[in-house]
Amino acid sequence: MFRFLVLTALGFFALSVYAPDVAQDLMRRGRDAFIAFQQGSEPAQVENSEKSNDAGGYVRIRSDRSGHYVTDVDFNGRRFRAIVDTGATLIALRYEDARALGLVTPSDRFDIKVNTANGTARAKRVQLRSVRLGSIQLENVDAMVLDEGALGQNLLGMSFLRRLARFEFKKGVLELER
């Protein structure tokens, strides 16, 4: 019993000495990931492959240092940065980017309530004429525009991903195939 108490005391002592450093390191990593997300990581280079065919294509995206898959995507022929997000039901567009595409006007109503990683927001449903990621292009893709200031980055969600033949995460690389 005495041995157990001594080992427990030593364990608590070690924890009190090292835990603050570990906690501080974890907080720094979390802060760095949050800052990278808010500022927008550099988009990954999209790698097209010979696996492309007439009906679609094959694309590989490497994750950034925070583990996000950030890439450039063409929405209706215009290039924007987006994060691939399997948790997003639809493509989610920043209000400012949707305005640039002519999808919304200041008088539009944002009457759909959505849950985001930052809480609830208001949105408007739209349809994109085309979405191109490297050699993969889809037509008539459902999307939503979030109210002004509600979204820091565009999200390439499941309304795009589920129309692919497959998408798979492997060792820091996202493979997409149409």
N, C-alpha and C. Protein backbone atom coordinates (compact mmCIF):
# COMPACT_ATOMS: atom_id res chain seq x y z
N MET A 1 0.83 -1.19 0.00
CA MET A 1 0.00 0.00 0.00
C MET A 1 0.88 1.26 0.00
N PHE A 2 1.93 1.24 0.84
CA PHE A 2 2.82 2.38 0.91
C PHE A 2 3.48 2.62 -0.46
N ARG A 3 3.85 1.52 -1.11
CA ARG A 3 4.47 1.61 -2.43
C ARG A 3 3.53 2.29 -3.43
N PHE A 4 2.27 1.92 -3.39
CA PHE A 4 1.25 2.52 -4.26
C PHE A 4 1.16 4.03 -4.01
N LEU A 5 1.14 4.44 -2.75
CA LEU A 5 1.04 5.85 -2.41
C LEU A 5 2.27 6.63 -2.90
N VAL A 6 3.45 6.04 -2.74
CA VAL A 6 4.67 6.70 -3.20
C VAL A 6 4.66 6.86 -4.72
N LEU A 7 4.29 5.79 -5.43
CA LEU A 7 4.23 5.86 -6.90
C LEU A 7 3.19 6.87 -7.37
N THR A 8 2.06 6.91 -6.69
CA THR A 8 1.02 7.88 -7.03
C THR A 8 1.52 9.30 -6.81
N ALA A 9 2.19 9.53 -5.69
CA ALA A 9 2.74 10.86 -5.39
C ALA A 9 3.77 11.26 -6.44
N LEU A 10 4.64 10.33 -6.82
CA LEU A 10 5.63 10.61 -7.86
C LEU A 10 4.95 10.92 -9.20
N GLY A 11 3.91 10.20 -9.49
CA GLY A 11 3.15 10.44 -10.73
C GLY A 11 2.55 11.83 -10.74
N PHE A 12 1.93 12.23 -9.63
CA PHE A 12 1.36 13.57 -9.56
C PHE A 12 2.44 14.65 -9.64
N PHE A 13 3.58 14.39 -9.02
CA PHE A 13 4.69 15.34 -9.09
C PHE A 13 5.15 15.51 -10.54
N ALA A 14 5.36 14.39 -11.24
CA ALA A 14 5.79 14.45 -12.64
C ALA A 14 4.75 15.16 -13.49
N LEU A 15 3.49 14.88 -13.23
CA LEU A 15 2.40 15.52 -13.96
C LEU A 15 2.42 17.03 -13.73
N SER A 16 2.64 17.44 -12.49
CA SER A 16 2.64 18.88 -12.19
C SER A 16 3.83 19.59 -12.82
N VAL A 17 4.93 18.87 -13.02
CA VAL A 17 6.12 19.48 -13.62
C VAL A 17 5.97 19.57 -15.14
N TYR A 18 5.48 18.51 -15.78
CA TYR A 18 5.44 18.44 -17.24
C TYR A 18 4.12 18.86 -17.86
N ALA A 19 3.02 18.75 -17.16
CA ALA A 19 1.71 19.06 -17.73
C ALA A 19 1.59 20.49 -18.25
N PRO A 20 2.09 21.49 -17.53
CA PRO A 20 1.97 22.85 -18.08
C PRO A 20 2.63 23.00 -19.45
N ASP A 21 3.80 22.40 -19.64
CA ASP A 21 4.48 22.48 -20.93
C ASP A 21 3.68 21.76 -22.01
N VAL A 22 3.16 20.60 -21.69
CA VAL A 22 2.36 19.83 -22.65
C VAL A 22 1.09 20.60 -23.00
N ALA A 23 0.41 21.13 -22.00
CA ALA A 23 -0.82 21.89 -22.24
C ALA A 23 -0.53 23.13 -23.08
N GLN A 24 0.57 23.81 -22.78
CA GLN A 24 0.93 25.00 -23.54
C GLN A 24 1.23 24.64 -25.00
N ASP A 25 1.92 23.52 -25.22
CA ASP A 25 2.23 23.07 -26.57
C ASP A 25 0.95 22.73 -27.34
N LEU A 26 0.02 22.03 -26.68
CA LEU A 26 -1.24 21.69 -27.33
C LEU A 26 -2.03 22.95 -27.67
N MET A 27 -2.05 23.92 -26.77
CA MET A 27 -2.77 25.16 -27.04
C MET A 27 -2.12 25.92 -28.20
N ARG A 28 -0.79 25.93 -28.27
CA ARG A 28 -0.10 26.60 -29.37
C ARG A 28 -0.44 25.94 -30.70
N ARG A 29 -0.43 24.60 -30.71
CA ARG A 29 -0.78 23.88 -31.95
C ARG A 29 -2.20 24.18 -32.38
N GLY A 30 -3.12 24.18 -31.43
CA GLY A 30 -4.51 24.49 -31.75
C GLY A 30 -4.66 25.90 -32.26
N ARG A 31 -3.97 26.85 -31.63
CA ARG A 31 -4.02 28.25 -32.07
C ARG A 31 -3.46 28.38 -33.48
N ASP A 32 -2.32 27.72 -33.75
CA ASP A 32 -1.71 27.78 -35.08
C ASP A 32 -2.63 27.21 -36.14
N ALA A 33 -3.29 26.10 -35.84
CA ALA A 33 -4.23 25.50 -36.80
C ALA A 33 -5.40 26.43 -37.04
N PHE A 34 -5.91 27.06 -35.97
CA PHE A 34 -7.03 27.98 -36.12
C PHE A 34 -6.64 29.19 -36.96
N ILE A 35 -5.45 29.74 -36.70
CA ILE A 35 -4.98 30.90 -37.46
C ILE A 35 -4.80 30.53 -38.93
N ALA A 36 -4.22 29.36 -39.19
CA ALA A 36 -4.03 28.92 -40.58
C ALA A 36 -5.37 28.79 -41.27
N PHE A 37 -6.37 28.27 -40.56
CA PHE A 37 -7.70 28.11 -41.15
C PHE A 37 -8.33 29.47 -41.42
N GLN A 38 -8.26 30.39 -40.45
CA GLN A 38 -8.88 31.70 -40.60
C GLN A 38 -8.21 32.50 -41.71
N GLN A 39 -6.87 32.45 -41.77
CA GLN A 39 -6.16 33.23 -42.77
C GLN A 39 -6.20 32.55 -44.13
N GLY A 40 -6.47 31.29 -44.13
CA GLY A 40 -6.50 30.54 -45.38
C GLY A 40 -5.14 30.00 -45.70
N SER A 41 -5.01 28.70 -45.63
CA SER A 41 -3.75 28.07 -46.00
C SER A 41 -3.54 28.23 -47.49
N GLU A 42 -2.30 28.09 -47.89
CA GLU A 42 -2.03 28.10 -49.31
C GLU A 42 -2.70 26.89 -49.94
N PRO A 43 -3.31 27.06 -51.11
CA PRO A 43 -3.97 25.92 -51.72
C PRO A 43 -2.97 24.86 -52.16
N ALA A 44 -3.38 23.63 -52.03
CA ALA A 44 -2.53 22.52 -52.47
C ALA A 44 -2.49 22.50 -53.99
N GLN A 45 -1.40 22.02 -54.51
CA GLN A 45 -1.29 21.84 -55.94
C GLN A 45 -2.13 20.62 -56.32
N VAL A 46 -3.07 20.80 -57.22
CA VAL A 46 -3.90 19.69 -57.67
C VAL A 46 -3.10 18.88 -58.66
N GLU A 47 -3.01 17.58 -58.41
CA GLU A 47 -2.28 16.69 -59.30
C GLU A 47 -3.28 15.91 -60.13
N ASN A 48 -3.30 16.16 -61.45
CA ASN A 48 -4.12 15.36 -62.35
C ASN A 48 -3.33 14.13 -62.72
N SER A 49 -4.02 13.11 -63.21
CA SER A 49 -3.34 11.86 -63.49
C SER A 49 -3.75 11.32 -64.85
N GLU A 50 -2.96 10.38 -65.33
CA GLU A 50 -3.29 9.71 -66.58
C GLU A 50 -4.57 8.89 -66.44
N LYS A 51 -5.04 8.70 -65.21
CA LYS A 51 -6.26 7.94 -65.02
C LYS A 51 -7.48 8.68 -65.57
N SER A 52 -7.29 9.94 -66.00
CA SER A 52 -8.41 10.73 -66.53
C SER A 52 -9.05 10.00 -67.69
N ASN A 53 -10.35 10.19 -67.82
CA ASN A 53 -11.06 9.61 -68.96
C ASN A 53 -12.03 10.64 -69.49
N ASP A 54 -12.76 10.30 -70.55
CA ASP A 54 -13.68 11.25 -71.17
C ASP A 54 -14.77 11.71 -70.22
N ALA A 55 -15.22 10.84 -69.34
CA ALA A 55 -16.35 11.16 -68.46
C ALA A 55 -15.93 11.97 -67.24
N GLY A 56 -14.66 12.08 -66.97
CA GLY A 56 -14.28 12.78 -65.75
C GLY A 56 -12.80 12.93 -65.62
N GLY A 57 -12.30 12.59 -64.46
CA GLY A 57 -10.88 12.73 -64.23
C GLY A 57 -10.49 12.16 -62.89
N TYR A 58 -9.22 12.36 -62.58
CA TYR A 58 -8.64 11.87 -61.34
C TYR A 58 -7.76 12.98 -60.79
N VAL A 59 -7.94 13.30 -59.51
CA VAL A 59 -7.21 14.40 -58.89
C VAL A 59 -6.69 13.95 -57.54
N ARG A 60 -5.48 14.42 -57.20
CA ARG A 60 -4.90 14.18 -55.87
C ARG A 60 -4.61 15.53 -55.23
N ILE A 61 -4.98 15.65 -53.95
CA ILE A 61 -4.72 16.88 -53.19
C ILE A 61 -3.99 16.49 -51.91
N ARG A 62 -2.87 17.13 -51.66
CA ARG A 62 -2.13 16.89 -50.41
C ARG A 62 -2.68 17.79 -49.31
N SER A 63 -2.70 17.27 -48.09
CA SER A 63 -3.17 18.08 -46.97
C SER A 63 -2.13 19.13 -46.61
N ASP A 64 -2.60 20.23 -46.03
CA ASP A 64 -1.67 21.25 -45.56
C ASP A 64 -1.13 20.83 -44.19
N ARG A 65 -0.33 21.66 -43.57
CA ARG A 65 0.30 21.28 -42.31
C ARG A 65 -0.70 21.14 -41.17
N SER A 66 -1.91 21.69 -41.35
CA SER A 66 -2.96 21.55 -40.33
C SER A 66 -3.85 20.34 -40.59
N GLY A 67 -3.59 19.62 -41.70
CA GLY A 67 -4.39 18.46 -42.03
C GLY A 67 -5.61 18.78 -42.89
N HIS A 68 -5.75 20.04 -43.32
CA HIS A 68 -6.88 20.43 -44.17
C HIS A 68 -6.52 20.21 -45.64
N TYR A 69 -7.52 19.97 -46.45
CA TYR A 69 -7.33 19.82 -47.89
C TYR A 69 -7.83 21.11 -48.53
N VAL A 70 -6.92 22.05 -48.72
CA VAL A 70 -7.23 23.37 -49.25
C VAL A 70 -6.79 23.39 -50.70
N THR A 71 -7.69 23.83 -51.59
CA THR A 71 -7.36 23.81 -53.00
C THR A 71 -8.10 24.93 -53.72
N ASP A 72 -7.73 25.17 -54.96
CA ASP A 72 -8.45 26.12 -55.80
C ASP A 72 -9.50 25.37 -56.60
N VAL A 73 -10.70 25.93 -56.63
CA VAL A 73 -11.83 25.32 -57.34
C VAL A 73 -12.45 26.39 -58.22
N ASP A 74 -12.87 26.01 -59.42
CA ASP A 74 -13.59 26.94 -60.30
C ASP A 74 -15.08 26.75 -60.09
N PHE A 75 -15.74 27.81 -59.62
CA PHE A 75 -17.20 27.84 -59.50
C PHE A 75 -17.70 28.73 -60.63
N ASN A 76 -18.54 28.18 -61.51
CA ASN A 76 -19.07 28.93 -62.66
C ASN A 76 -17.95 29.63 -63.44
N GLY A 77 -16.83 28.94 -63.59
CA GLY A 77 -15.74 29.46 -64.40
C GLY A 77 -14.79 30.42 -63.71
N ARG A 78 -15.03 30.73 -62.43
CA ARG A 78 -14.15 31.64 -61.69
C ARG A 78 -13.47 30.89 -60.56
N ARG A 79 -12.19 31.17 -60.37
CA ARG A 79 -11.39 30.43 -59.39
C ARG A 79 -11.48 31.03 -58.00
N PHE A 80 -11.73 30.13 -57.02
CA PHE A 80 -11.80 30.50 -55.61
C PHE A 80 -11.10 29.43 -54.79
N ARG A 81 -10.66 29.81 -53.62
CA ARG A 81 -10.06 28.85 -52.70
C ARG A 81 -11.17 28.17 -51.90
N ALA A 82 -11.00 26.87 -51.62
CA ALA A 82 -11.99 26.12 -50.85
C ALA A 82 -11.30 25.04 -50.04
N ILE A 83 -11.95 24.66 -48.96
CA ILE A 83 -11.50 23.54 -48.14
C ILE A 83 -12.42 22.37 -48.43
N VAL A 84 -11.87 21.21 -48.72
CA VAL A 84 -12.69 20.01 -48.91
C VAL A 84 -13.24 19.63 -47.54
N ASP A 85 -14.57 19.52 -47.43
CA ASP A 85 -15.21 19.28 -46.14
C ASP A 85 -16.31 18.23 -46.27
N THR A 86 -16.01 17.01 -45.83
CA THR A 86 -17.01 15.93 -45.90
C THR A 86 -18.13 16.14 -44.89
N GLY A 87 -17.96 17.05 -43.96
CA GLY A 87 -19.01 17.35 -42.98
C GLY A 87 -20.01 18.37 -43.48
N ALA A 88 -19.75 18.98 -44.62
CA ALA A 88 -20.67 19.96 -45.20
C ALA A 88 -21.58 19.24 -46.19
N THR A 89 -22.88 19.33 -45.97
CA THR A 89 -23.84 18.66 -46.84
C THR A 89 -23.76 19.19 -48.26
N LEU A 90 -23.63 20.49 -48.39
CA LEU A 90 -23.55 21.14 -49.70
C LEU A 90 -22.25 21.93 -49.81
N ILE A 91 -21.95 22.38 -51.01
CA ILE A 91 -20.90 23.37 -51.16
C ILE A 91 -21.39 24.61 -50.42
N ALA A 92 -20.53 25.20 -49.62
CA ALA A 92 -20.88 26.42 -48.89
C ALA A 92 -19.99 27.54 -49.39
N LEU A 93 -20.62 28.61 -49.85
CA LEU A 93 -19.88 29.74 -50.41
C LEU A 93 -19.91 30.94 -49.48
N ARG A 94 -18.80 31.64 -49.43
CA ARG A 94 -18.74 32.91 -48.73
C ARG A 94 -19.64 33.91 -49.45
N TYR A 95 -20.30 34.75 -48.71
CA TYR A 95 -21.19 35.76 -49.28
C TYR A 95 -20.45 36.61 -50.31
N GLU A 96 -19.24 37.03 -49.98
CA GLU A 96 -18.47 37.91 -50.85
C GLU A 96 -18.16 37.23 -52.19
N ASP A 97 -17.84 35.96 -52.16
CA ASP A 97 -17.55 35.23 -53.40
C ASP A 97 -18.82 35.01 -54.21
N ALA A 98 -19.92 34.72 -53.54
CA ALA A 98 -21.20 34.54 -54.23
C ALA A 98 -21.65 35.84 -54.89
N ARG A 99 -21.39 36.98 -54.25
CA ARG A 99 -21.70 38.28 -54.86
C ARG A 99 -20.89 38.46 -56.13
N ALA A 100 -19.60 38.09 -56.07
CA ALA A 100 -18.73 38.22 -57.24
C ALA A 100 -19.22 37.35 -58.39
N LEU A 101 -19.86 36.24 -58.07
CA LEU A 101 -20.41 35.34 -59.09
C LEU A 101 -21.80 35.75 -59.55
N GLY A 102 -22.38 36.74 -58.91
CA GLY A 102 -23.73 37.18 -59.27
C GLY A 102 -24.82 36.25 -58.75
N LEU A 103 -24.51 35.45 -57.74
CA LEU A 103 -25.49 34.49 -57.20
C LEU A 103 -26.42 35.11 -56.17
N VAL A 104 -26.00 36.20 -55.55
CA VAL A 104 -26.82 36.87 -54.53
C VAL A 104 -26.72 38.38 -54.70
N THR A 105 -27.72 39.06 -54.17
CA THR A 105 -27.74 40.52 -54.14
C THR A 105 -28.01 40.95 -52.70
N PRO A 106 -27.74 42.21 -52.37
CA PRO A 106 -27.97 42.67 -51.00
C PRO A 106 -29.42 42.52 -50.53
N SER A 107 -30.36 42.50 -51.45
CA SER A 107 -31.77 42.39 -51.05
C SER A 107 -32.24 40.94 -50.87
N ASP A 108 -31.39 39.96 -51.18
CA ASP A 108 -31.79 38.55 -51.04
C ASP A 108 -32.04 38.19 -49.58
N ARG A 109 -32.97 37.25 -49.40
CA ARG A 109 -33.28 36.75 -48.05
C ARG A 109 -32.47 35.48 -47.80
N PHE A 110 -31.88 35.42 -46.64
CA PHE A 110 -31.15 34.24 -46.20
C PHE A 110 -32.02 33.57 -45.15
N ASP A 111 -32.92 32.72 -45.62
CA ASP A 111 -33.97 32.19 -44.75
C ASP A 111 -33.77 30.74 -44.31
N ILE A 112 -32.61 30.17 -44.63
CA ILE A 112 -32.32 28.81 -44.18
C ILE A 112 -31.37 28.90 -42.99
N LYS A 113 -31.74 28.25 -41.90
CA LYS A 113 -30.89 28.22 -40.71
C LYS A 113 -29.96 27.01 -40.83
N VAL A 114 -28.65 27.25 -40.70
CA VAL A 114 -27.67 26.16 -40.81
C VAL A 114 -26.77 26.14 -39.59
N ASN A 115 -26.29 24.95 -39.27
CA ASN A 115 -25.32 24.78 -38.18
C ASN A 115 -23.93 24.70 -38.79
N THR A 116 -23.03 25.50 -38.27
CA THR A 116 -21.65 25.50 -38.74
C THR A 116 -20.74 25.18 -37.57
N ALA A 117 -19.46 25.06 -37.86
CA ALA A 117 -18.48 24.82 -36.79
C ALA A 117 -18.45 25.99 -35.81
N ASN A 118 -18.87 27.17 -36.26
CA ASN A 118 -18.86 28.37 -35.40
C ASN A 118 -20.23 28.68 -34.81
N GLY A 119 -21.18 27.78 -34.95
CA GLY A 119 -22.53 28.03 -34.43
C GLY A 119 -23.55 28.06 -35.55
N THR A 120 -24.66 28.73 -35.32
CA THR A 120 -25.70 28.79 -36.34
C THR A 120 -25.51 30.02 -37.22
N ALA A 121 -25.98 29.91 -38.45
CA ALA A 121 -25.89 31.01 -39.41
C ALA A 121 -27.10 30.94 -40.33
N ARG A 122 -27.28 31.95 -41.14
CA ARG A 122 -28.36 32.00 -42.12
C ARG A 122 -27.76 31.77 -43.50
N ALA A 123 -28.53 31.12 -44.37
CA ALA A 123 -28.02 30.80 -45.70
C ALA A 123 -29.12 30.89 -46.74
N LYS A 124 -28.70 30.90 -47.98
CA LYS A 124 -29.61 30.87 -49.13
C LYS A 124 -29.12 29.76 -50.06
N ARG A 125 -30.05 28.96 -50.55
CA ARG A 125 -29.69 27.86 -51.45
C ARG A 125 -29.58 28.38 -52.88
N VAL A 126 -28.54 27.91 -53.59
CA VAL A 126 -28.31 28.29 -54.98
C VAL A 126 -27.87 27.05 -55.76
N GLN A 127 -27.78 27.18 -57.07
CA GLN A 127 -27.23 26.10 -57.88
C GLN A 127 -26.10 26.67 -58.73
N LEU A 128 -24.97 25.97 -58.70
CA LEU A 128 -23.82 26.37 -59.50
C LEU A 128 -23.91 25.70 -60.86
N ARG A 129 -23.71 26.49 -61.89
CA ARG A 129 -23.74 25.96 -63.26
C ARG A 129 -22.65 24.92 -63.46
N SER A 130 -21.45 25.21 -62.93
CA SER A 130 -20.34 24.25 -63.06
C SER A 130 -19.39 24.38 -61.88
N VAL A 131 -18.79 23.25 -61.55
CA VAL A 131 -17.75 23.20 -60.52
C VAL A 131 -16.61 22.36 -61.10
N ARG A 132 -15.42 22.96 -61.15
CA ARG A 132 -14.26 22.25 -61.70
C ARG A 132 -13.15 22.22 -60.66
N LEU A 133 -12.65 21.01 -60.45
CA LEU A 133 -11.48 20.78 -59.59
C LEU A 133 -10.49 19.99 -60.43
N GLY A 134 -9.44 20.65 -60.90
CA GLY A 134 -8.48 19.98 -61.77
C GLY A 134 -9.18 19.46 -63.02
N SER A 135 -9.05 18.17 -63.28
CA SER A 135 -9.66 17.57 -64.47
C SER A 135 -11.09 17.08 -64.23
N ILE A 136 -11.62 17.31 -63.04
CA ILE A 136 -12.99 16.88 -62.72
C ILE A 136 -13.92 18.08 -62.84
N GLN A 137 -14.97 17.93 -63.66
CA GLN A 137 -15.96 18.99 -63.78
C GLN A 137 -17.36 18.40 -63.65
N LEU A 138 -18.18 19.06 -62.83
CA LEU A 138 -19.58 18.68 -62.66
C LEU A 138 -20.46 19.87 -63.01
N GLU A 139 -21.64 19.58 -63.51
CA GLU A 139 -22.60 20.62 -63.88
C GLU A 139 -23.77 20.60 -62.90
N ASN A 140 -24.40 21.76 -62.73
CA ASN A 140 -25.61 21.89 -61.91
C ASN A 140 -25.44 21.27 -60.52
N VAL A 141 -24.61 21.90 -59.73
CA VAL A 141 -24.28 21.40 -58.39
C VAL A 141 -24.95 22.29 -57.35
N ASP A 142 -25.69 21.67 -56.42
CA ASP A 142 -26.35 22.42 -55.35
C ASP A 142 -25.31 23.01 -54.41
N ALA A 143 -25.62 24.22 -53.93
CA ALA A 143 -24.73 24.92 -53.01
C ALA A 143 -25.57 25.83 -52.12
N MET A 144 -24.93 26.40 -51.14
CA MET A 144 -25.58 27.43 -50.34
C MET A 144 -24.60 28.56 -50.11
N VAL A 145 -25.18 29.74 -49.98
CA VAL A 145 -24.41 30.94 -49.69
C VAL A 145 -24.72 31.32 -48.26
N LEU A 146 -23.69 31.49 -47.45
CA LEU A 146 -23.91 31.91 -46.07
C LEU A 146 -23.92 33.43 -45.98
N ASP A 147 -24.68 33.92 -45.03
CA ASP A 147 -24.83 35.35 -44.84
C ASP A 147 -23.46 36.01 -44.66
N GLU A 148 -23.40 37.27 -44.97
CA GLU A 148 -22.15 38.02 -44.94
C GLU A 148 -21.41 37.86 -43.61
N GLY A 149 -20.14 37.48 -43.69
CA GLY A 149 -19.29 37.34 -42.51
C GLY A 149 -19.43 36.02 -41.77
N ALA A 150 -20.32 35.14 -42.21
CA ALA A 150 -20.56 33.89 -41.48
C ALA A 150 -19.57 32.78 -41.83
N LEU A 151 -18.82 32.94 -42.92
CA LEU A 151 -17.94 31.87 -43.38
C LEU A 151 -16.59 32.45 -43.77
N GLY A 152 -15.52 31.87 -43.24
CA GLY A 152 -14.18 32.36 -43.53
C GLY A 152 -13.59 31.80 -44.81
N GLN A 153 -13.98 30.58 -45.18
CA GLN A 153 -13.48 29.91 -46.38
C GLN A 153 -14.64 29.20 -47.06
N ASN A 154 -14.59 29.12 -48.38
CA ASN A 154 -15.56 28.30 -49.10
C ASN A 154 -15.32 26.84 -48.74
N LEU A 155 -16.40 26.06 -48.73
CA LEU A 155 -16.30 24.64 -48.41
C LEU A 155 -16.76 23.82 -49.60
N LEU A 156 -15.94 22.89 -50.03
CA LEU A 156 -16.31 21.96 -51.10
C LEU A 156 -16.93 20.75 -50.42
N GLY A 157 -18.26 20.75 -50.34
CA GLY A 157 -18.97 19.75 -49.55
C GLY A 157 -19.48 18.57 -50.35
N MET A 158 -20.37 17.82 -49.71
CA MET A 158 -20.85 16.55 -50.25
C MET A 158 -21.70 16.68 -51.51
N SER A 159 -22.30 17.84 -51.79
CA SER A 159 -23.06 17.97 -53.04
C SER A 159 -22.14 17.80 -54.24
N PHE A 160 -20.86 18.06 -54.07
CA PHE A 160 -19.86 17.78 -55.11
C PHE A 160 -19.29 16.38 -54.94
N LEU A 161 -18.85 16.06 -53.73
CA LEU A 161 -18.13 14.80 -53.48
C LEU A 161 -18.97 13.56 -53.75
N ARG A 162 -20.26 13.58 -53.39
CA ARG A 162 -21.07 12.37 -53.56
C ARG A 162 -21.36 12.05 -55.03
N ARG A 163 -21.13 12.99 -55.92
CA ARG A 163 -21.34 12.73 -57.35
C ARG A 163 -20.10 12.14 -58.03
N LEU A 164 -19.05 11.94 -57.26
CA LEU A 164 -17.85 11.31 -57.80
C LEU A 164 -17.96 9.80 -57.69
N ALA A 165 -17.18 9.09 -58.49
CA ALA A 165 -17.14 7.62 -58.39
C ALA A 165 -16.53 7.23 -57.05
N ARG A 166 -15.54 8.01 -56.60
CA ARG A 166 -14.94 7.74 -55.29
C ARG A 166 -14.11 8.93 -54.85
N PHE A 167 -13.96 9.04 -53.53
CA PHE A 167 -12.97 9.93 -52.93
C PHE A 167 -12.43 9.21 -51.72
N GLU A 168 -11.13 9.30 -51.52
CA GLU A 168 -10.48 8.50 -50.48
C GLU A 168 -9.29 9.26 -49.90
N PHE A 169 -9.19 9.22 -48.58
CA PHE A 169 -8.08 9.83 -47.86
C PHE A 169 -7.02 8.76 -47.60
N LYS A 170 -5.77 9.01 -48.05
CA LYS A 170 -4.67 8.06 -47.85
C LYS A 170 -3.41 8.80 -47.48
N LYS A 171 -2.94 8.63 -46.26
CA LYS A 171 -1.64 9.16 -45.83
C LYS A 171 -1.43 10.62 -46.23
N GLY A 172 -2.36 11.48 -45.87
CA GLY A 172 -2.21 12.90 -46.15
C GLY A 172 -2.52 13.32 -47.57
N VAL A 173 -3.09 12.42 -48.35
CA VAL A 173 -3.46 12.73 -49.73
C VAL A 173 -4.93 12.37 -49.94
N LEU A 174 -5.68 13.28 -50.55
CA LEU A 174 -7.07 13.02 -50.91
C LEU A 174 -7.11 12.70 -52.39
N GLU A 175 -7.63 11.52 -52.72
CA GLU A 175 -7.78 11.12 -54.12
C GLU A 175 -9.24 11.23 -54.49
N LEU A 176 -9.52 11.89 -55.61
CA LEU A 176 -10.88 12.04 -56.11
C LEU A 176 -10.94 11.51 -57.53
N GLU A 177 -11.98 10.76 -57.84
CA GLU A 177 -12.12 10.19 -59.18
C GLU A 177 -13.57 10.27 -59.61
N ARG A 178 -13.75 10.69 -60.86
CA ARG A 178 -15.11 10.78 -61.41
C ARG A 178 -15.38 9.57 -62.26
